[in-house]
C-alpha cells in the first residue's frame, strides 16, 4: 500500500497535483479543483492535530471502519466527509494558492517528528504514523482520480 511518507510517493502525488487545472473536469462529485485541494489540505491538518474534529462514531465502529476502508478497499464516491472539511460551500478559492498550500502541508507532514502526528482519526480510530501516511495518500489518490489524475 502506498504511503505519503515515502519520498517517491510524495513526488508522484506532487506531479499529479501539478497537472490539475482550473478547467480539469471532475468524474464525479461537485467540488471544483481548488475546493478539492483545500479539502485535501484540511485532512492533513487533521493528521497533525492542527484541525480539531470530533469523533464521528464510537470506538468499536471506528475500529471496524478502519479495517474496511483504511485497508485495501477503495474509498467510495460520496463517502462521509469529516465535519469542518466539506469544501462545497467554499467559494472563490484560488487554484494556485490551494496547490501551493497543499504541497506545503504535505512537505511539512512528512517531516514531522513521530510525536507530532495525531494518534487517532475521527472516522478510523487509533492510528500509527504509517496508518496516517497511508490514509492521506489514499484520500489524495481518491480525489486526484476524481479529476482523472
Protein backbone atom coordinates (compact mmCIF):
# COMPACT_ATOMS: atom_id res chain seq x y z
CA UNK A 1 0.00 0.00 0.00
CA UNK A 2 1.32 3.41 -0.94
CA UNK A 3 2.21 5.84 1.83
CA UNK A 4 2.71 9.61 1.57
CA UNK A 5 5.67 9.26 3.99
CA UNK A 6 7.60 7.55 1.17
CA UNK A 7 9.51 10.29 -0.73
CA UNK A 8 8.80 8.59 -4.09
CA UNK A 9 5.08 8.51 -3.39
CA UNK A 10 5.09 12.16 -2.28
CA UNK A 11 6.88 13.07 -5.51
CA UNK A 12 4.33 11.13 -7.59
CA UNK A 13 1.45 12.88 -5.81
CA UNK A 14 3.03 16.30 -6.32
CA UNK A 15 3.32 15.63 -10.07
CA UNK A 16 -0.37 14.70 -10.17
CA UNK A 17 -1.29 17.82 -8.16
CA UNK A 18 0.72 19.95 -10.61
CA UNK A 19 -1.30 18.57 -13.54
CA UNK A 20 -4.58 19.86 -12.05
CA UNK A 21 -6.01 22.89 -13.86
CA UNK A 22 -8.98 25.16 -13.15
CA UNK A 23 -10.86 23.57 -16.03
CA UNK A 24 -9.99 19.94 -15.23
CA UNK A 25 -13.30 18.08 -15.47
CA UNK A 26 -14.39 16.07 -12.47
CA UNK A 27 -15.53 12.49 -12.99
CA UNK A 28 -17.97 12.63 -10.04
CA UNK A 29 -18.98 14.90 -7.18
CA UNK A 30 -19.42 18.66 -7.04
CA UNK A 31 -16.09 20.12 -5.88
CA UNK A 32 -14.04 22.37 -8.10
CA UNK A 33 -10.32 21.62 -8.44
CA UNK A 34 -9.44 24.38 -5.96
CA UNK A 35 -12.05 23.14 -3.47
CA UNK A 36 -10.63 19.63 -3.73
CA UNK A 37 -7.11 20.87 -2.96
CA UNK A 38 -8.42 22.84 0.03
CA UNK A 39 -10.36 19.78 1.25
CA UNK A 40 -7.29 17.52 1.00
CA UNK A 41 -5.17 20.05 2.88
CA UNK A 42 -7.68 20.04 5.72
CA UNK A 43 -7.26 16.27 6.08
CA UNK A 44 -3.52 16.76 6.53
CA UNK A 45 -4.36 19.30 9.24
CA UNK A 46 -6.46 16.66 11.00
CA UNK A 47 -3.44 14.32 10.96
CA UNK A 48 -1.24 16.90 12.65
CA UNK A 49 -3.90 17.87 15.17
CA UNK A 50 -3.91 21.40 13.76
CA UNK A 51 -7.57 20.97 12.81
CA UNK A 52 -9.71 19.63 15.64
CA UNK A 53 -12.54 17.33 14.54
CA UNK A 54 -14.87 15.38 16.84
CA UNK A 55 -15.03 11.60 16.57
CA UNK A 56 -17.82 10.64 14.19
CA UNK A 57 -18.51 7.17 15.62
CA UNK A 58 -17.98 5.16 18.83
CA UNK A 59 -14.60 3.39 19.13
CA UNK A 60 -15.79 -0.11 18.06
CA UNK A 61 -17.34 1.28 14.89
CA UNK A 62 -14.21 3.33 14.12
CA UNK A 63 -12.12 0.16 14.50
CA UNK A 64 -14.39 -1.66 12.06
CA UNK A 65 -14.37 1.22 9.57
CA UNK A 66 -10.58 1.31 9.72
CA UNK A 67 -10.42 -2.40 8.90
CA UNK A 68 -12.82 -1.98 5.98
CA UNK A 69 -11.96 1.39 4.42
CA UNK A 70 -8.43 2.16 5.53
CA UNK A 71 -7.27 -1.17 4.14
CA UNK A 72 -7.28 -2.27 0.55
CA UNK A 73 -10.83 -1.28 -0.40
CA UNK A 74 -11.01 1.96 -2.39
CA UNK A 75 -12.91 4.92 -1.00
CA UNK A 76 -16.36 5.07 -2.49
CA UNK A 77 -17.85 8.05 -4.27
CA UNK A 78 -19.94 10.02 -1.80
CA UNK A 79 -18.25 8.58 1.31
CA UNK A 80 -18.80 10.51 4.56
CA UNK A 81 -16.70 13.65 4.94
CA UNK A 82 -15.32 14.83 8.25
CA UNK A 83 -17.28 17.77 9.65
CA UNK A 84 -15.40 21.00 9.03
CA UNK A 85 -13.58 19.91 5.91
CA UNK A 86 -16.51 19.98 3.50
CA UNK A 87 -15.47 22.19 0.60
CA UNK A 88 -18.68 22.50 -1.39
CA UNK A 89 -19.62 25.89 0.06
CA UNK A 90 -16.11 27.35 -0.18
CA UNK A 91 -16.31 29.91 -2.96
CA UNK A 92 -13.55 31.99 -4.52
CA UNK A 93 -10.65 29.65 -3.78
CA UNK A 94 -7.61 30.21 -5.98
CA UNK A 95 -6.20 27.05 -7.54
CA UNK A 96 -2.57 28.17 -7.38
CA UNK A 97 -2.86 29.27 -3.75
CA UNK A 98 -4.51 25.98 -2.79
CA UNK A 99 -2.00 23.92 -4.79
CA UNK A 100 0.93 25.60 -3.02
CA UNK A 101 -0.74 25.29 0.39
CA UNK A 102 -1.46 21.57 -0.04
CA UNK A 103 2.04 20.80 -1.29
CA UNK A 104 3.49 22.79 1.61
CA UNK A 105 1.27 20.95 4.12
CA UNK A 106 2.33 17.59 2.69
CA UNK A 107 6.02 18.53 2.81
CA UNK A 108 5.63 19.62 6.43
CA UNK A 109 3.68 16.48 7.36
CA UNK A 110 6.35 14.09 6.10
CA UNK A 111 8.99 15.95 8.15
CA UNK A 112 7.04 15.85 11.42
CA UNK A 113 8.56 14.03 14.37
CA UNK A 114 6.59 10.94 15.35
CA UNK A 115 5.14 12.52 18.47
CA UNK A 116 3.58 15.32 16.38
CA UNK A 117 1.27 13.11 14.31
CA UNK A 118 -2.17 12.61 15.84
CA UNK A 119 -2.70 9.12 17.24
CA UNK A 120 -6.41 8.85 16.45
CA UNK A 121 -8.68 9.57 13.50
CA UNK A 122 -12.29 10.78 13.83
CA UNK A 123 -13.54 8.02 11.49
CA UNK A 124 -10.90 5.28 11.79
CA UNK A 125 -9.85 5.44 15.46
CA UNK A 126 -6.35 4.55 16.62
CA UNK A 127 -3.72 5.44 14.01
CA UNK A 128 0.02 4.92 13.72
CA UNK A 129 2.20 7.27 11.69
CA UNK A 130 2.18 4.70 8.87
CA UNK A 131 -1.62 4.49 9.07
CA UNK A 132 -1.80 8.27 8.63
CA UNK A 133 0.69 8.20 5.76
CA UNK A 134 -1.39 5.54 4.04
CA UNK A 135 -4.76 7.19 4.64
CA UNK A 136 -3.52 10.61 3.49
CA UNK A 137 -2.21 9.01 0.29
CA UNK A 138 -5.44 7.08 -0.21
CA UNK A 139 -7.54 10.22 0.28
CA UNK A 140 -5.37 12.22 -2.14
CA UNK A 141 -5.43 9.43 -4.69
CA UNK A 142 -9.23 9.21 -4.43
CA UNK A 143 -9.66 12.92 -5.12
CA UNK A 144 -6.99 13.12 -7.81
CA UNK A 145 -8.76 10.24 -9.58
CA UNK A 146 -11.96 12.25 -9.17
CA UNK A 147 -10.34 14.69 -11.61
CA UNK A 148 -8.91 12.00 -13.87
CA UNK A 149 -5.38 12.30 -12.49
